[in-house]
Amino acid sequence: MRLGGSSLTPMGANQVIAQLFENLQAALIMFRLLATISAIATLSACSSPQPFDWATENGTDETLETIDPTDPNITVDSKFAYDRARGLTMNSVEYDSENDELIINNLPFDGPSGRYDRFGNVGAAGAYESRQTQYTGRVKHYAVFLRSEHIEAAAAGADWVEFGYGGANITRDSFSAPIDGEYVYFGDYAGVRTFSDRSGLELVSGDVSILLDVNDFDPVDGIQGAIVGTIYNRSISGLVGSANASLQNVGLVLVEFTTDDGTFNGGGSVTSLANGTDGGSGSFDGFLAGPNSTDIGANIVMEGPAYSQNVAFDVVTYQVTEEVLNPVTGDVVSTFVTYGTASGLTNDERGAIQDLVDSGQTIPFQSYNPLDIPSNAVITGTAIDYQLFCFGI
């Protein structure tokens, strides 16, 4: 997907894979905790059924024969954002709680064991990195991991000069249908971002709110209800050649769930640029979990601009009046009036401002340079204009 302002050079789309999950906090008021992962990512659940299991023998992690190399979505209790053609190849993730490690399968060059060690936090999520030796794991991968009472989620990606390879997964340990009514979920968001034609990797965090209405819409062929949401307060923690900057909100477009298993598919995710125009877009798929659906989780895969700024600047109009005098009498023979403009954002400055935007800096109001106006000019008007600058489009 390519989006661009009139004066910008596109720099390559970014891809985001996200997971959401919520946990009921107070049944009486029906508030729930939502945790989210956004990125080229991985996810794991400890007690719920997995698409395949891991075995460890002589210190080497090996996958069992139950792995499906074409599509790991073989159980209703585990959802992968899997699309090999798009580089979404991760097909297993397991959390080793004893050692606080992730074990991820089917990502190239992240080491033969696929083990990721924790090195910190991104918002409410744990942040993990792949193991490297002198000869193995030479492409550093990063992952984030979140847990609720009934769902676990993780996301992972690597610093490629393109989207690279990654994936996303949510798993649950149980499900029963929600009771009648409307529900509000609140929680945390974290993930990994990569880019289409440049290097760099970013970890993303933020907050999420989800609304669930069980009664409307009426059931049709086993589909009912309505689920919408917003991811907000998003920010970046740069790891590899990336910036620390705020991001636009993500809207989670309305989707209905299946009554028999609590899954939902085909939802959308969208962002707007800083000037209100359309930004990135993607998918929003997941499931309800826990007794009476106390949790809700989803995978989100998005492509589009990483972030944008609508830079404000002033434009001044002026006129210069010149008189031609008779050299003998000194009388005015003729009068010439010329008109001009001075802008707070010149063509020479656009490149420098783009570099600042790319580095995550907030651009202040741009005032015109008085030296750009002739000393004998009279200002006839001032106006404020805006120029959209985007990073990662």
Protein backbone atom coordinates (compact mmCIF):
# COMPACT_ATOMS: atom_id res chain seq x y z
CA MET A 1 0.00 0.00 0.00
CA ARG A 2 1.34 3.43 -0.96
CA LEU A 3 0.21 6.70 0.52
CA GLY A 4 1.91 10.03 0.06
CA GLY A 5 1.66 13.78 0.32
CA SER A 6 2.23 16.01 -2.64
CA SER A 7 5.76 16.92 -1.64
CA LEU A 8 6.93 13.64 -0.14
CA THR A 9 8.97 10.76 -1.40
CA PRO A 10 7.36 7.42 -0.40
CA MET A 11 9.65 5.44 1.88
CA GLY A 12 7.97 2.04 2.01
CA ALA A 13 4.94 0.74 3.85
CA ASN A 14 5.14 -0.69 7.32
CA GLN A 15 3.49 -3.93 8.36
CA VAL A 16 1.88 -4.48 11.72
CA ILE A 17 0.55 -7.74 13.11
CA ALA A 18 -1.43 -7.38 16.30
CA GLN A 19 -3.09 -9.41 18.99
CA LEU A 20 -5.68 -8.29 21.47
CA PHE A 21 -6.92 -9.95 24.59
CA GLU A 22 -9.08 -8.94 27.51
CA ASN A 23 -9.77 -10.21 30.99
CA LEU A 24 -12.86 -9.44 33.09
CA GLN A 25 -12.02 -7.12 36.01
CA ALA A 26 -15.40 -6.47 37.62
CA ALA A 27 -18.39 -8.54 36.62
CA LEU A 28 -20.90 -6.15 38.17
CA ILE A 29 -19.96 -3.27 35.89
CA MET A 30 -18.69 -5.49 33.08
CA PHE A 31 -15.31 -3.85 32.67
CA ARG A 32 -12.56 -5.99 31.24
CA LEU A 33 -8.84 -5.80 30.78
CA LEU A 34 -7.64 -5.85 27.19
CA ALA A 35 -4.08 -6.59 26.21
CA THR A 36 -2.87 -6.25 22.67
CA ILE A 37 0.10 -7.17 20.57
CA SER A 38 0.74 -5.41 17.30
CA ALA A 39 3.48 -6.43 14.96
CA ILE A 40 5.05 -9.03 12.82
CA ALA A 41 4.59 -11.23 15.77
CA THR A 42 4.11 -14.44 17.66
CA LEU A 43 1.66 -15.59 20.31
CA SER A 44 1.49 -18.52 22.72
CA ALA A 45 -0.88 -20.05 25.27
CA CYS A 46 0.34 -22.28 28.06
CA SER A 47 -2.77 -24.24 29.08
CA SER A 48 -4.85 -24.12 25.91
CA PRO A 49 -4.52 -26.58 23.02
CA GLN A 50 -1.64 -25.77 20.67
CA PRO A 51 -1.48 -26.44 16.93
CA PHE A 52 1.51 -28.57 17.80
CA ASP A 53 3.66 -29.31 20.81
CA TRP A 54 7.35 -28.94 21.46
CA ALA A 55 9.64 -31.66 22.79
CA THR A 56 13.11 -31.15 24.23
CA GLU A 57 15.64 -33.91 23.95
CA ASN A 58 19.33 -33.54 24.81
CA GLY A 59 18.87 -29.80 25.04
CA THR A 60 17.57 -29.42 21.47
CA ASP A 61 14.04 -28.26 20.77
CA GLU A 62 12.23 -30.30 18.14
CA THR A 63 8.70 -30.05 16.82
CA LEU A 64 6.45 -33.09 16.77
CA GLU A 65 4.78 -34.57 13.72
CA THR A 66 1.50 -32.73 14.37
CA ILE A 67 2.87 -29.53 12.75
CA ASP A 68 1.07 -28.58 9.56
CA PRO A 69 3.68 -26.93 7.30
CA THR A 70 1.02 -25.30 5.13
CA ASP A 71 -1.33 -23.73 7.70
CA PRO A 72 -1.12 -24.05 11.51
CA ASN A 73 -4.77 -23.02 12.03
CA ILE A 74 -6.00 -26.51 12.83
CA THR A 75 -7.84 -25.88 16.11
CA VAL A 76 -10.53 -23.39 17.04
CA ASP A 77 -8.68 -22.49 20.24
CA SER A 78 -5.58 -21.19 18.47
CA LYS A 79 -5.47 -18.54 15.73
CA PHE A 80 -2.38 -17.68 13.69
CA ALA A 81 -1.94 -14.72 11.39
CA TYR A 82 -0.49 -17.08 8.81
CA ASP A 83 0.18 -16.18 5.19
CA ARG A 84 3.38 -17.61 3.79
CA ALA A 85 3.17 -15.43 0.66
CA ARG A 86 3.33 -12.33 2.88
CA GLY A 87 6.13 -13.63 5.09
CA LEU A 88 3.80 -14.61 7.95
CA THR A 89 5.39 -18.01 8.50
CA MET A 90 5.48 -18.47 12.26
CA ASN A 91 3.49 -21.62 13.08
CA SER A 92 4.18 -22.30 16.76
CA VAL A 93 5.01 -20.38 19.91
CA GLU A 94 5.39 -21.69 23.45
CA TYR A 95 6.12 -19.84 26.68
CA ASP A 96 8.64 -21.41 29.04
CA SER A 97 7.48 -19.87 32.34
CA GLU A 98 10.26 -21.44 34.39
CA ASN A 99 12.96 -19.64 32.39
CA ASP A 100 10.81 -16.74 31.12
CA GLU A 101 11.62 -17.64 27.51
CA LEU A 102 9.67 -17.95 24.27
CA ILE A 103 10.13 -20.84 21.85
CA ILE A 104 9.14 -19.88 18.31
CA ASN A 105 9.11 -22.05 15.20
CA ASN A 106 9.43 -21.39 11.46
CA LEU A 107 11.26 -18.05 11.40
CA PRO A 108 14.53 -18.19 9.45
CA PHE A 109 17.91 -17.45 11.02
CA ASP A 110 16.66 -17.04 14.60
CA GLY A 111 18.77 -19.95 15.86
CA PRO A 112 18.27 -23.74 15.81
CA SER A 113 16.47 -23.81 19.17
CA GLY A 114 14.13 -20.92 18.35
CA ARG A 115 14.51 -19.64 21.90
CA TYR A 116 14.01 -15.97 22.80
CA ASP A 117 15.33 -14.48 26.04
CA ARG A 118 13.59 -11.66 27.88
CA PHE A 119 15.46 -8.35 27.96
CA GLY A 120 12.83 -5.89 29.20
CA ASN A 121 9.28 -4.63 28.74
CA VAL A 122 7.27 -2.80 26.11
CA GLY A 123 4.30 -1.31 27.90
CA ALA A 124 2.60 -4.21 29.69
CA ALA A 125 4.28 -6.83 27.48
CA GLY A 126 7.51 -8.66 27.99
CA ALA A 127 10.15 -7.97 25.31
CA TYR A 128 12.29 -10.86 24.04
CA GLU A 129 15.20 -11.32 21.63
CA SER A 130 16.47 -14.39 19.80
CA ARG A 131 19.66 -16.09 20.87
CA GLN A 132 22.81 -15.62 18.83
CA THR A 133 26.07 -17.56 18.75
CA GLN A 134 29.14 -17.10 16.60
CA TYR A 135 27.61 -19.23 13.87
CA THR A 136 23.84 -19.38 14.49
CA GLY A 137 20.95 -17.01 14.93
CA ARG A 138 22.72 -14.30 12.97
CA VAL A 139 19.54 -12.37 12.13
CA LYS A 140 18.34 -10.84 15.39
CA HIS A 141 14.62 -11.34 16.00
CA TYR A 142 12.47 -9.61 18.60
CA ALA A 143 9.18 -10.64 20.20
CA VAL A 144 6.60 -9.35 22.66
CA PHE A 145 4.44 -11.51 24.91
CA LEU A 146 1.26 -10.88 26.91
CA ARG A 147 -0.95 -13.08 29.10
CA SER A 148 -4.45 -12.86 30.52
CA GLU A 149 -6.33 -15.38 32.64
CA HIS A 150 -7.54 -17.35 29.62
CA ILE A 151 -5.44 -16.10 26.69
CA GLU A 152 -1.75 -15.76 25.88
CA ALA A 153 -0.36 -13.71 23.00
CA ALA A 154 3.02 -12.99 21.43
CA ALA A 155 4.41 -11.18 18.37
CA ALA A 156 7.83 -11.34 16.66
CA GLY A 157 9.81 -9.90 13.77
CA ALA A 158 13.33 -9.19 12.55
CA ASP A 159 15.30 -6.30 11.07
CA TRP A 160 15.15 -7.06 7.35
CA VAL A 161 15.41 -4.55 4.51
CA GLU A 162 11.77 -5.45 3.78
CA PHE A 163 8.86 -6.77 5.85
CA GLY A 164 10.78 -9.97 6.49
CA TYR A 165 9.29 -12.95 8.27
CA GLY A 166 7.17 -13.13 11.38
CA GLY A 167 3.69 -14.06 12.53
CA ALA A 168 1.01 -13.74 15.18
CA ASN A 169 -0.98 -16.16 17.29
CA ILE A 170 -3.59 -16.13 20.04
CA THR A 171 -4.59 -19.16 22.08
CA ARG A 172 -7.29 -19.72 24.70
CA ASP A 173 -7.94 -22.34 27.35
CA SER A 174 -11.76 -22.25 27.32
CA PHE A 175 -14.88 -20.61 25.95
CA SER A 176 -18.52 -20.22 26.85
CA ALA A 177 -20.96 -17.83 25.24
CA PRO A 178 -21.33 -14.34 26.73
CA ILE A 179 -24.46 -13.45 28.67
CA ASP A 180 -26.90 -10.87 27.33
CA GLY A 181 -25.83 -7.22 27.43
CA GLU A 182 -23.06 -4.85 26.44
CA TYR A 183 -19.46 -5.16 27.56
CA VAL A 184 -16.55 -2.72 27.72
CA TYR A 185 -12.95 -3.98 27.62
CA PHE A 186 -9.88 -1.89 28.51
CA GLY A 187 -6.26 -2.91 28.38
CA ASP A 188 -2.76 -2.70 26.93
CA TYR A 189 -1.25 -2.96 23.47
CA ALA A 190 2.24 -3.99 22.37
CA GLY A 191 3.86 -5.24 19.20
CA VAL A 192 6.55 -5.22 16.52
CA ARG A 193 6.74 -3.14 13.34
CA THR A 194 8.83 -3.75 10.20
CA PHE A 195 9.16 -1.86 6.91
CA SER A 196 8.80 -2.77 3.25
CA ASP A 197 11.90 -1.27 1.62
CA ARG A 198 14.17 -0.11 4.41
CA SER A 199 15.78 -1.55 7.50
CA GLY A 200 14.66 -0.87 11.03
CA LEU A 201 12.44 -2.51 13.61
CA GLU A 202 10.19 -0.94 16.20
CA LEU A 203 8.34 -2.18 19.27
CA VAL A 204 4.94 -0.56 19.72
CA SER A 205 2.80 -0.10 22.83
CA GLY A 206 -0.45 1.63 23.72
CA ASP A 207 -3.93 1.23 25.16
CA VAL A 208 -7.03 -0.52 23.82
CA SER A 209 -10.77 -0.33 24.38
CA ILE A 210 -13.27 -2.83 22.95
CA LEU A 211 -17.08 -2.75 22.90
CA LEU A 212 -19.15 -5.92 22.66
CA ASP A 213 -22.93 -5.94 22.19
CA VAL A 214 -24.27 -9.47 22.53
CA ASN A 215 -27.93 -8.83 21.63
CA ASP A 216 -27.52 -6.79 18.44
CA PHE A 217 -27.32 -7.81 15.72
CA ASP A 218 -29.91 -10.62 15.82
CA PRO A 219 -28.43 -14.06 14.99
CA VAL A 220 -28.31 -14.98 11.30
CA ASP A 221 -26.89 -18.40 10.38
CA GLY A 222 -25.03 -18.63 13.69
CA ILE A 223 -23.47 -15.14 13.46
CA GLN A 224 -24.54 -12.47 15.94
CA GLY A 225 -23.48 -9.55 18.10
CA ALA A 226 -21.19 -6.63 17.32
CA ILE A 227 -17.55 -6.00 18.26
CA VAL A 228 -15.74 -2.67 17.69
CA GLY A 229 -12.77 -0.98 19.30
CA THR A 230 -9.94 1.53 19.28
CA ILE A 231 -6.21 1.27 19.90
CA TYR A 232 -4.93 4.60 21.22
CA ASN A 233 -1.98 6.23 23.02
CA ARG A 234 0.28 4.29 20.70
CA SER A 235 4.00 5.00 20.89
CA ILE A 236 7.24 3.52 19.56
CA SER A 237 10.28 2.15 21.33
CA GLY A 238 13.00 2.14 18.69
CA LEU A 239 15.33 -0.83 18.55
CA VAL A 240 17.08 -0.86 15.18
CA GLY A 241 17.33 2.40 13.24
CA SER A 242 13.88 3.54 14.35
CA ALA A 243 12.36 6.52 16.10
CA ASN A 244 10.50 7.24 19.30
CA ALA A 245 7.28 8.85 18.17
CA SER A 246 3.54 8.84 18.75
CA LEU A 247 1.26 7.02 16.33
CA GLN A 248 -2.23 7.55 15.02
CA ASN A 249 -5.11 5.61 16.61
CA VAL A 250 -6.23 2.33 15.09
CA GLY A 251 -9.95 1.78 14.60
CA LEU A 252 -11.21 -1.80 14.85
CA VAL A 253 -14.08 -2.04 12.39
CA LEU A 254 -17.31 -3.72 13.44
CA VAL A 255 -17.38 -7.51 13.17
CA GLU A 256 -19.83 -10.20 14.38
CA PHE A 257 -18.96 -13.44 16.17
CA THR A 258 -19.97 -17.06 15.65
CA THR A 259 -22.27 -18.27 18.40
CA ASP A 260 -21.09 -21.89 18.60
CA ASP A 261 -17.38 -21.24 19.10
CA GLY A 262 -17.09 -17.48 19.77
CA THR A 263 -14.78 -16.76 16.84
CA PHE A 264 -14.91 -13.72 14.58
CA ASN A 265 -13.34 -13.27 11.15
CA GLY A 266 -13.26 -10.68 8.41
CA GLY A 267 -13.12 -7.59 10.59
CA GLY A 268 -11.08 -4.58 9.52
CA SER A 269 -8.52 -2.28 11.13
CA VAL A 270 -7.88 1.27 9.90
CA THR A 271 -5.83 4.34 10.75
CA SER A 272 -6.03 7.98 9.70
CA LEU A 273 -3.17 10.28 8.85
CA ALA A 274 -2.52 13.43 10.87
CA ASN A 275 -4.62 15.48 8.43
CA GLY A 276 -7.63 13.16 8.76
CA THR A 277 -7.22 11.34 5.46
CA ASP A 278 -7.10 7.55 5.14
CA GLY A 279 -3.94 5.88 6.40
CA GLY A 280 -3.19 2.19 6.90
CA SER A 281 -5.64 -0.69 6.79
CA GLY A 282 -5.72 -4.37 7.66
CA SER A 283 -7.61 -7.25 9.24
CA PHE A 284 -9.14 -7.90 12.67
CA ASP A 285 -9.83 -11.56 13.55
CA GLY A 286 -10.05 -13.40 16.86
CA PHE A 287 -12.22 -15.10 19.45
CA LEU A 288 -13.96 -14.76 22.81
CA ALA A 289 -12.52 -16.78 25.69
CA GLY A 290 -13.15 -17.82 29.27
CA PRO A 291 -16.38 -18.45 31.18
CA ASN A 292 -19.11 -16.13 29.83
CA SER A 293 -16.48 -14.72 27.45
CA THR A 294 -14.55 -12.88 30.13
CA ASP A 295 -11.67 -12.48 27.65
CA ILE A 296 -11.52 -11.47 24.00
CA GLY A 297 -8.52 -11.77 21.69
CA ALA A 298 -7.65 -10.98 18.09
CA ASN A 299 -4.93 -10.90 15.48
CA ILE A 300 -4.52 -7.63 13.60
CA VAL A 301 -2.40 -7.41 10.45
CA MET A 302 -1.96 -3.92 9.02
CA GLU A 303 0.05 -2.16 6.33
CA GLY A 304 0.37 1.58 5.82
CA PRO A 305 2.15 4.67 7.13
CA ALA A 306 4.05 4.32 10.36
CA TYR A 307 3.18 7.83 11.53
CA SER A 308 2.61 11.30 10.15
CA GLN A 309 2.65 14.97 11.08
CA ASN A 310 0.60 17.80 9.66
CA VAL A 311 3.17 20.59 9.83
CA ALA A 312 1.72 24.10 10.17
CA PHE A 313 3.41 27.12 8.58
CA ASP A 314 2.51 30.67 7.72
CA VAL A 315 2.27 32.22 4.26
CA VAL A 316 2.70 35.98 3.96
CA THR A 317 1.67 38.00 0.92
CA TYR A 318 3.25 41.37 0.25
CA GLN A 319 3.56 44.08 -2.36
CA VAL A 320 6.36 46.42 -3.34
CA THR A 321 5.56 49.78 -4.90
CA GLU A 322 8.27 51.47 -6.94
CA GLU A 323 8.08 54.94 -8.51
CA VAL A 324 9.95 56.19 -11.55
CA LEU A 325 10.88 59.86 -11.18
CA ASN A 326 11.67 62.51 -13.74
CA PRO A 327 15.37 63.14 -13.22
CA VAL A 328 14.94 66.85 -13.87
CA THR A 329 11.75 67.74 -12.01
CA GLY A 330 11.63 64.89 -9.57
CA ASP A 331 8.01 64.28 -10.44
CA VAL A 332 6.59 60.74 -10.48
CA VAL A 333 6.47 59.55 -14.04
CA SER A 334 5.13 56.06 -13.43
CA THR A 335 4.45 53.56 -10.65
CA PHE A 336 5.16 49.83 -10.67
CA VAL A 337 3.63 47.39 -8.14
CA THR A 338 5.01 43.88 -7.71
CA TYR A 339 3.52 41.14 -5.56
CA GLY A 340 5.14 38.23 -3.75
CA THR A 341 4.79 35.61 -1.04
CA ALA A 342 7.04 34.30 1.72
CA SER A 343 6.40 30.88 3.22
CA GLY A 344 7.46 29.35 6.50
CA LEU A 345 8.03 26.12 4.59
CA THR A 346 10.31 26.54 1.60
CA ASN A 347 11.30 23.86 -0.89
CA ASP A 348 14.84 23.91 0.50
CA GLU A 349 13.53 23.20 4.00
CA ARG A 350 11.20 20.31 3.11
CA GLY A 351 13.97 17.75 2.93
CA ALA A 352 15.37 18.72 6.32
CA ILE A 353 11.91 18.62 7.89
CA GLN A 354 11.27 15.20 6.34
CA ASP A 355 14.48 13.96 7.97
CA LEU A 356 13.29 15.26 11.34
CA VAL A 357 9.90 13.57 10.91
CA ASP A 358 11.66 10.33 9.96
CA SER A 359 13.66 10.53 13.20
CA GLY A 360 10.47 10.88 15.23
CA GLN A 361 10.79 14.54 16.16
CA THR A 362 7.75 16.78 16.50
CA ILE A 363 7.94 19.74 14.14
CA PRO A 364 6.87 23.10 15.62
CA PHE A 365 5.05 25.86 13.75
CA GLN A 366 7.20 27.13 10.87
CA SER A 367 7.38 30.94 10.63
CA TYR A 368 8.53 32.78 7.53
CA ASN A 369 11.96 34.36 7.43
CA PRO A 370 11.66 38.20 7.37
CA LEU A 371 14.78 38.30 5.20
CA ASP A 372 12.71 36.67 2.45
CA ILE A 373 10.67 39.88 2.17
CA PRO A 374 12.15 43.01 0.56
CA SER A 375 12.83 45.79 3.03
CA ASN A 376 10.46 48.15 1.22
CA ALA A 377 7.60 45.64 1.04
CA VAL A 378 4.21 46.11 2.63
CA ILE A 379 2.57 42.95 4.02
CA THR A 380 -0.94 42.61 2.64
CA GLY A 381 -2.04 39.36 4.27
CA THR A 382 -1.09 36.36 6.36
CA ALA A 383 -2.48 32.81 6.41
CA ILE A 384 -1.71 29.47 8.00
CA ASP A 385 -1.24 26.44 5.76
CA TYR A 386 -0.41 22.78 6.41
CA GLN A 387 1.80 20.16 4.78
CA LEU A 388 1.45 16.46 5.56
CA PHE A 389 4.73 14.65 6.19
CA CYS A 390 4.59 10.86 6.52
CA PHE A 391 7.14 8.29 7.59
CA GLY A 392 7.04 4.75 6.29
CA ILE A 393 4.60 5.15 3.39
